[in-house]
Amino acid sequence: MGKQLSFGEGFQKYAKTTKRSVFLSEMDRVVPWTELCALVEPVYPVAGNGRPPRPLE
């Protein structure tokens, strides 16, 4: 007997694109991320005393 599929496994292809995913794809298309990261990197905080900073990428 085969593995039983859950209710949601057959519906991934019908998933609605959310506003969040539309926004993020638009941002990836519009923003030059490598240039922006290169611009921010010199003034980005470095690890020291206190909470460590999040990675830039």
Protein backbone atom coordinates (compact mmCIF):
# COMPACT_ATOMS: atom_id res chain seq x y z
CA MET A 1 0.00 0.00 0.00
CA GLY A 2 1.39 3.41 -0.95
CA LYS A 3 2.00 6.40 1.25
CA GLN A 4 -1.16 8.34 2.00
CA LEU A 5 -1.12 11.96 0.85
CA SER A 6 -2.20 14.68 3.23
CA PHE A 7 -5.03 16.99 2.27
CA GLY A 8 -2.76 19.91 1.31
CA GLU A 9 -0.19 18.02 -0.77
CA GLY A 10 -2.17 18.11 -3.99
CA PHE A 11 -2.94 21.83 -3.90
CA GLN A 12 0.53 23.48 -4.05
CA LYS A 13 0.07 24.35 -7.71
CA TYR A 14 -3.13 26.24 -6.85
CA ALA A 15 -1.49 28.37 -4.13
CA LYS A 16 -2.42 32.04 -4.23
CA THR A 17 0.49 34.45 -4.56
CA THR A 18 0.47 36.56 -1.43
CA LYS A 19 1.06 40.28 -1.27
CA ARG A 20 4.27 39.56 0.61
CA SER A 21 5.67 37.29 -2.10
CA VAL A 22 4.68 39.78 -4.82
CA PHE A 23 6.40 42.59 -2.89
CA LEU A 24 9.58 40.57 -2.31
CA SER A 25 9.85 39.50 -5.94
CA GLU A 26 9.35 43.11 -7.02
CA MET A 27 12.08 44.26 -4.60
CA ASP A 28 14.47 41.60 -5.94
CA ARG A 29 13.79 42.82 -9.45
CA VAL A 30 14.16 46.56 -8.70
CA VAL A 31 16.86 46.90 -6.02
CA PRO A 32 20.53 46.39 -6.98
CA TRP A 33 21.36 44.37 -3.84
CA THR A 34 25.09 43.91 -4.48
CA GLU A 35 25.61 47.65 -4.94
CA LEU A 36 23.49 48.44 -1.88
CA CYS A 37 25.39 45.97 0.31
CA ALA A 38 28.71 47.39 -0.91
CA LEU A 39 27.50 50.88 0.02
CA VAL A 40 26.33 49.86 3.51
CA GLU A 41 29.22 47.53 4.42
CA PRO A 42 31.79 50.20 5.48
CA VAL A 43 29.43 51.68 8.09
CA TYR A 44 27.77 48.42 9.17
CA PRO A 45 28.46 47.55 12.84
CA VAL A 46 31.10 44.94 13.66
CA ALA A 47 30.95 42.35 16.44
CA GLY A 48 32.15 43.67 19.76
CA ASN A 49 30.63 44.14 23.18
CA GLY A 50 26.92 43.42 23.31
CA ARG A 51 24.63 41.72 20.91
CA PRO A 52 26.29 40.54 17.68
CA PRO A 53 24.98 42.19 14.52
CA ARG A 54 22.97 40.25 11.98
CA PRO A 55 24.78 39.20 8.81
CA LEU A 56 24.55 41.73 6.01
CA GLU A 57 23.45 39.12 3.45
